């Protein structure tokens, strides 16, 4: 294709979405309101591990504990890291469980950190102030880009209620 964009088709549902060069398969799906399973979005939790029935991907940065070389050879990929190198056909065994779920598409927000508390050596509590409410499901992650460090992203789980005030 001249524009280097590809298509993905989910089986058995047959739903399709476009894949943009350089963007992860997961991001492309979510931007087009296609709900796929995911967790950390860093290639370390295996929540977004899907079987590629057809097509080629750049596997990206993945933990060898979450996606082994043997799994790659079998056609498995972590969609949060995988970048399409061709059209893809992806087996989605969970599609019937999500077809009626309300979809929250990814959005960019500029926020201010209102409070930071270190709860333990590896656990932090961040309080964010945002002009616009951030919609999410319980258990979802939010990605924050470090100020002054473009491309330096960290994922944090959301522990508060998704109810809006």
C-alpha atoms as a PDB file:
ATOM      1  CA  UNK A   1       0.000   0.000   0.000  1.00  0.00           C
ATOM      2  CA  UNK A   2       1.299   3.418  -0.921  1.00  0.00           C
ATOM      3  CA  UNK A   3       0.358   5.084   2.364  1.00  0.00           C
ATOM      4  CA  UNK A   4       1.889   2.292   4.501  1.00  0.00           C
ATOM      5  CA  UNK A   5      -1.355   1.775   6.421  1.00  0.00           C
ATOM      6  CA  UNK A   6      -2.803  -1.678   6.960  1.00  0.00           C
ATOM      7  CA  UNK A   7      -6.059  -3.283   8.083  1.00  0.00           C
ATOM      8  CA  UNK A   8      -6.738  -5.683  10.933  1.00  0.00           C
ATOM      9  CA  UNK A   9      -9.656  -8.110  11.081  1.00  0.00           C
ATOM     10  CA  UNK A  10     -10.777  -9.775  14.293  1.00  0.00           C
ATOM     11  CA  UNK A  11     -11.999 -13.336  14.053  1.00  0.00           C
ATOM     12  CA  UNK A  12     -14.538 -14.761  14.593  1.00  0.00           C
ATOM     13  CA  UNK A  13     -16.466 -11.454  14.711  1.00  0.00           C
ATOM     14  CA  UNK A  14     -15.132 -10.124  11.394  1.00  0.00           C
ATOM     15  CA  UNK A  15     -14.796  -6.583  12.808  1.00  0.00           C
ATOM     16  CA  UNK A  16     -12.105  -4.525  11.080  1.00  0.00           C
ATOM     17  CA  UNK A  17     -10.018  -1.492  11.929  1.00  0.00           C
ATOM     18  CA  UNK A  18      -7.161   0.391  10.302  1.00  0.00           C
ATOM     19  CA  UNK A  19      -3.576   0.208  11.507  1.00  0.00           C
ATOM     20  CA  UNK A  20      -1.371   3.293  11.387  1.00  0.00           C
ATOM     21  CA  UNK A  21       2.365   3.025  10.704  1.00  0.00           C
ATOM     22  CA  UNK A  22       4.435   3.113  13.873  1.00  0.00           C
ATOM     23  CA  UNK A  23       1.469   2.868  16.263  1.00  0.00           C
ATOM     24  CA  UNK A  24       0.650  -0.214  18.311  1.00  0.00           C
ATOM     25  CA  UNK A  25      -2.164  -2.482  17.204  1.00  0.00           C
ATOM     26  CA  UNK A  26      -3.844  -1.886  20.581  1.00  0.00           C
ATOM     27  CA  UNK A  27      -3.756   1.922  20.271  1.00  0.00           C
ATOM     28  CA  UNK A  28      -5.156   1.757  16.746  1.00  0.00           C
ATOM     29  CA  UNK A  29      -8.006  -0.490  17.891  1.00  0.00           C
ATOM     30  CA  UNK A  30      -8.901   1.632  20.918  1.00  0.00           C
ATOM     31  CA  UNK A  31      -8.904   4.865  18.916  1.00  0.00           C
ATOM     32  CA  UNK A  32     -11.481   3.275  16.615  1.00  0.00           C
ATOM     33  CA  UNK A  33     -13.699   2.092  19.472  1.00  0.00           C
ATOM     34  CA  UNK A  34     -12.629  -1.557  19.160  1.00  0.00           C
ATOM     35  CA  UNK A  35     -12.326  -2.931  22.689  1.00  0.00           C
ATOM     36  CA  UNK A  36      -9.491  -5.395  23.239  1.00  0.00           C
ATOM     37  CA  UNK A  37      -8.139  -6.883  26.456  1.00  0.00           C
ATOM     38  CA  UNK A  38      -5.136  -5.041  27.918  1.00  0.00           C
ATOM     39  CA  UNK A  39      -3.502  -4.123  31.190  1.00  0.00           C
ATOM     40  CA  UNK A  40      -0.138  -2.443  31.667  1.00  0.00           C
ATOM     41  CA  UNK A  41       0.432  -1.341  28.040  1.00  0.00           C
ATOM     42  CA  UNK A  42       4.175  -1.902  28.569  1.00  0.00           C
ATOM     43  CA  UNK A  43       4.548  -5.506  27.356  1.00  0.00           C
ATOM     44  CA  UNK A  44       4.935  -6.881  30.860  1.00  0.00           C
ATOM     45  CA  UNK A  45       1.559  -8.311  31.928  1.00  0.00           C
ATOM     46  CA  UNK A  46       0.376 -10.504  28.991  1.00  0.00           C
ATOM     47  CA  UNK A  47      -3.190  -9.188  29.193  1.00  0.00           C
ATOM     48  CA  UNK A  48      -3.065  -8.140  25.528  1.00  0.00           C
ATOM     49  CA  UNK A  49      -1.598 -11.416  24.238  1.00  0.00           C
ATOM     50  CA  UNK A  50      -3.473 -12.386  21.059  1.00  0.00           C
ATOM     51  CA  UNK A  51      -2.899 -15.014  18.392  1.00  0.00           C
ATOM     52  CA  UNK A  52      -2.118 -13.650  14.940  1.00  0.00           C
ATOM     53  CA  UNK A  53      -3.827 -15.914  12.430  1.00  0.00           C
ATOM     54  CA  UNK A  54      -2.214 -14.090   9.526  1.00  0.00           C
ATOM     55  CA  UNK A  55       0.152 -11.172   9.039  1.00  0.00           C
ATOM     56  CA  UNK A  56       3.475  -9.859  10.280  1.00  0.00           C
ATOM     57  CA  UNK A  57       4.325  -7.506  13.151  1.00  0.00           C
ATOM     58  CA  UNK A  58       7.322  -5.877  14.732  1.00  0.00           C
ATOM     59  CA  UNK A  59       6.992  -7.343  18.235  1.00  0.00           C
ATOM     60  CA  UNK A  60       8.424  -4.260  19.973  1.00  0.00           C
ATOM     61  CA  UNK A  61       9.719  -4.299  23.534  1.00  0.00           C
ATOM     62  CA  UNK A  62       8.307  -7.284  25.381  1.00  0.00           C
ATOM     63  CA  UNK A  63       9.379  -9.157  28.471  1.00  0.00           C
ATOM     64  CA  UNK A  64      10.607 -12.669  27.586  1.00  0.00           C
ATOM     65  CA  UNK A  65       8.522 -13.854  30.541  1.00  0.00           C
ATOM     66  CA  UNK A  66       5.338 -12.470  28.966  1.00  0.00           C
ATOM     67  CA  UNK A  67       6.035 -13.449  25.356  1.00  0.00           C
ATOM     68  CA  UNK A  68       8.587 -16.159  24.705  1.00  0.00           C
ATOM     69  CA  UNK A  69      10.382 -16.725  21.412  1.00  0.00           C
ATOM     70  CA  UNK A  70       8.386 -19.964  21.021  1.00  0.00           C
ATOM     71  CA  UNK A  71       5.122 -18.019  21.430  1.00  0.00           C
ATOM     72  CA  UNK A  72       6.271 -15.509  18.816  1.00  0.00           C
ATOM     73  CA  UNK A  73       7.033 -18.402  16.453  1.00  0.00           C
ATOM     74  CA  UNK A  74       3.511 -19.771  17.093  1.00  0.00           C
ATOM     75  CA  UNK A  75       2.017 -16.395  16.122  1.00  0.00           C
ATOM     76  CA  UNK A  76       1.301 -14.817  19.507  1.00  0.00           C
ATOM     77  CA  UNK A  77       1.901 -11.084  20.005  1.00  0.00           C
ATOM     78  CA  UNK A  78       1.389  -8.495  22.724  1.00  0.00           C
ATOM     79  CA  UNK A  79      -0.826  -5.974  20.932  1.00  0.00           C
ATOM     80  CA  UNK A  80       0.286  -3.094  23.170  1.00  0.00           C
ATOM     81  CA  UNK A  81       3.775  -3.402  21.679  1.00  0.00           C
ATOM     82  CA  UNK A  82       3.160  -4.947  18.238  1.00  0.00           C
ATOM     83  CA  UNK A  83       3.370  -2.683  15.182  1.00  0.00           C
ATOM     84  CA  UNK A  84       1.832  -3.962  11.941  1.00  0.00           C
ATOM     85  CA  UNK A  85       4.119  -4.773   9.028  1.00  0.00           C
ATOM     86  CA  UNK A  86       1.198  -6.074   6.919  1.00  0.00           C
ATOM     87  CA  UNK A  87      -2.548  -6.601   7.096  1.00  0.00           C
ATOM     88  CA  UNK A  88      -3.444  -8.711  10.142  1.00  0.00           C
ATOM     89  CA  UNK A  89      -6.024 -11.322  11.072  1.00  0.00           C
ATOM     90  CA  UNK A  90      -6.266 -11.608  14.873  1.00  0.00           C
ATOM     91  CA  UNK A  91      -8.075 -14.295  16.867  1.00  0.00           C
ATOM     92  CA  UNK A  92     -10.231 -12.583  19.516  1.00  0.00           C
ATOM     93  CA  UNK A  93     -11.674 -15.223  21.818  1.00  0.00           C
ATOM     94  CA  UNK A  94     -13.209 -12.596  24.128  1.00  0.00           C
ATOM     95  CA  UNK A  95     -15.257 -10.574  21.613  1.00  0.00           C
ATOM     96  CA  UNK A  96     -18.678 -11.904  22.623  1.00  0.00           C
ATOM     97  CA  UNK A  97     -18.055 -10.896  26.246  1.00  0.00           C
ATOM     98  CA  UNK A  98     -17.542  -7.214  25.319  1.00  0.00           C
ATOM     99  CA  UNK A  99     -19.875  -6.513  22.431  1.00  0.00           C
ATOM    100  CA  UNK A 100     -22.387  -4.649  24.592  1.00  0.00           C
ATOM    101  CA  UNK A 101     -19.883  -2.834  26.849  1.00  0.00           C
ATOM    102  CA  UNK A 102     -19.814   0.955  26.785  1.00  0.00           C
ATOM    103  CA  UNK A 103     -16.638   2.101  25.094  1.00  0.00           C
ATOM    104  CA  UNK A 104     -14.329   4.739  26.516  1.00  0.00           C
ATOM    105  CA  UNK A 105     -11.845   5.832  23.882  1.00  0.00           C
ATOM    106  CA  UNK A 106      -8.348   6.982  24.831  1.00  0.00           C
ATOM    107  CA  UNK A 107      -8.005  10.726  25.217  1.00  0.00           C
ATOM    108  CA  UNK A 108      -5.180  13.120  25.972  1.00  0.00           C
ATOM    109  CA  UNK A 109      -5.527  15.374  29.023  1.00  0.00           C
ATOM    110  CA  UNK A 110      -3.256  17.973  30.532  1.00  0.00           C
ATOM    111  CA  UNK A 111      -3.291  17.608  34.292  1.00  0.00           C
ATOM    112  CA  UNK A 112      -1.556  19.102  37.293  1.00  0.00           C
ATOM    113  CA  UNK A 113      -0.258  16.911  40.086  1.00  0.00           C
ATOM    114  CA  UNK A 114      -2.106  18.140  43.168  1.00  0.00           C
ATOM    115  CA  UNK A 115      -0.497  15.796  45.706  1.00  0.00           C
ATOM    116  CA  UNK A 116       2.140  13.064  45.872  1.00  0.00           C
ATOM    117  CA  UNK A 117       2.497  10.655  48.777  1.00  0.00           C
ATOM    118  CA  UNK A 118       4.921   7.732  48.950  1.00  0.00           C
ATOM    119  CA  UNK A 119       2.981   4.874  50.548  1.00  0.00           C
ATOM    120  CA  UNK A 120       5.789   2.291  50.412  1.00  0.00           C
ATOM    121  CA  UNK A 121       9.096   1.740  48.618  1.00  0.00           C
ATOM    122  CA  UNK A 122       7.274   1.037  45.344  1.00  0.00           C
ATOM    123  CA  UNK A 123       3.754   2.431  45.852  1.00  0.00           C
ATOM    124  CA  UNK A 124       2.819   6.055  45.319  1.00  0.00           C
ATOM    125  CA  UNK A 125      -0.434   7.951  45.634  1.00  0.00           C
ATOM    126  CA  UNK A 126      -0.904  10.684  43.023  1.00  0.00           C
ATOM    127  CA  UNK A 127      -3.761  13.149  43.094  1.00  0.00           C
ATOM    128  CA  UNK A 128      -4.402  14.782  39.728  1.00  0.00           C
ATOM    129  CA  UNK A 129      -6.305  17.960  38.888  1.00  0.00           C
ATOM    130  CA  UNK A 130      -7.872  18.052  35.441  1.00  0.00           C
ATOM    131  CA  UNK A 131     -10.054  20.682  33.799  1.00  0.00           C
ATOM    132  CA  UNK A 132     -12.062  17.932  32.082  1.00  0.00           C
ATOM    133  CA  UNK A 133     -13.162  14.772  33.902  1.00  0.00           C
ATOM    134  CA  UNK A 134     -11.259  11.628  32.973  1.00  0.00           C
ATOM    135  CA  UNK A 135     -13.609   8.728  32.207  1.00  0.00           C
ATOM    136  CA  UNK A 136     -12.376   5.231  33.047  1.00  0.00           C
ATOM    137  CA  UNK A 137     -13.378   1.791  34.218  1.00  0.00           C
ATOM    138  CA  UNK A 138     -12.256   0.476  37.613  1.00  0.00           C
ATOM    139  CA  UNK A 139      -8.910  -1.269  37.261  1.00  0.00           C
ATOM    140  CA  UNK A 140      -7.818   0.647  34.182  1.00  0.00           C
ATOM    141  CA  UNK A 141      -4.436   2.271  33.868  1.00  0.00           C
ATOM    142  CA  UNK A 142      -3.579   5.847  33.059  1.00  0.00           C
ATOM    143  CA  UNK A 143      -0.394   6.776  31.234  1.00  0.00           C
ATOM    144  CA  UNK A 144       1.467   9.888  32.382  1.00  0.00           C
ATOM    145  CA  UNK A 145       4.252  11.528  30.410  1.00  0.00           C
ATOM    146  CA  UNK A 146       6.977  12.999  32.577  1.00  0.00           C
ATOM    147  CA  UNK A 147       7.165  16.807  32.252  1.00  0.00           C
ATOM    148  CA  UNK A 148      10.138  17.930  30.194  1.00  0.00           C
ATOM    149  CA  UNK A 149      10.893  14.340  29.140  1.00  0.00           C
ATOM    150  CA  UNK A 150       8.999  13.678  25.884  1.00  0.00           C
ATOM    151  CA  UNK A 151       8.364   9.983  25.319  1.00  0.00           C
ATOM    152  CA  UNK A 152       9.025   9.065  28.959  1.00  0.00           C
ATOM    153  CA  UNK A 153       5.682   7.478  29.942  1.00  0.00           C
ATOM    154  CA  UNK A 154       4.680   5.649  33.131  1.00  0.00           C
ATOM    155  CA  UNK A 155       1.520   3.653  33.740  1.00  0.00           C
ATOM    156  CA  UNK A 156      -0.453   3.969  36.960  1.00  0.00           C
ATOM    157  CA  UNK A 157      -3.501   2.014  38.017  1.00  0.00           C
ATOM    158  CA  UNK A 158      -6.547   4.068  38.924  1.00  0.00           C
ATOM    159  CA  UNK A 159      -7.744   3.338  42.415  1.00  0.00           C
ATOM    160  CA  UNK A 160     -10.504   5.908  42.831  1.00  0.00           C
ATOM    161  CA  UNK A 161     -14.149   5.646  41.890  1.00  0.00           C
ATOM    162  CA  UNK A 162     -14.984   6.365  38.245  1.00  0.00           C
ATOM    163  CA  UNK A 163     -18.062   8.322  39.400  1.00  0.00           C
ATOM    164  CA  UNK A 164     -18.047  11.956  38.357  1.00  0.00           C
ATOM    165  CA  UNK A 165     -18.784  14.598  41.003  1.00  0.00           C
END
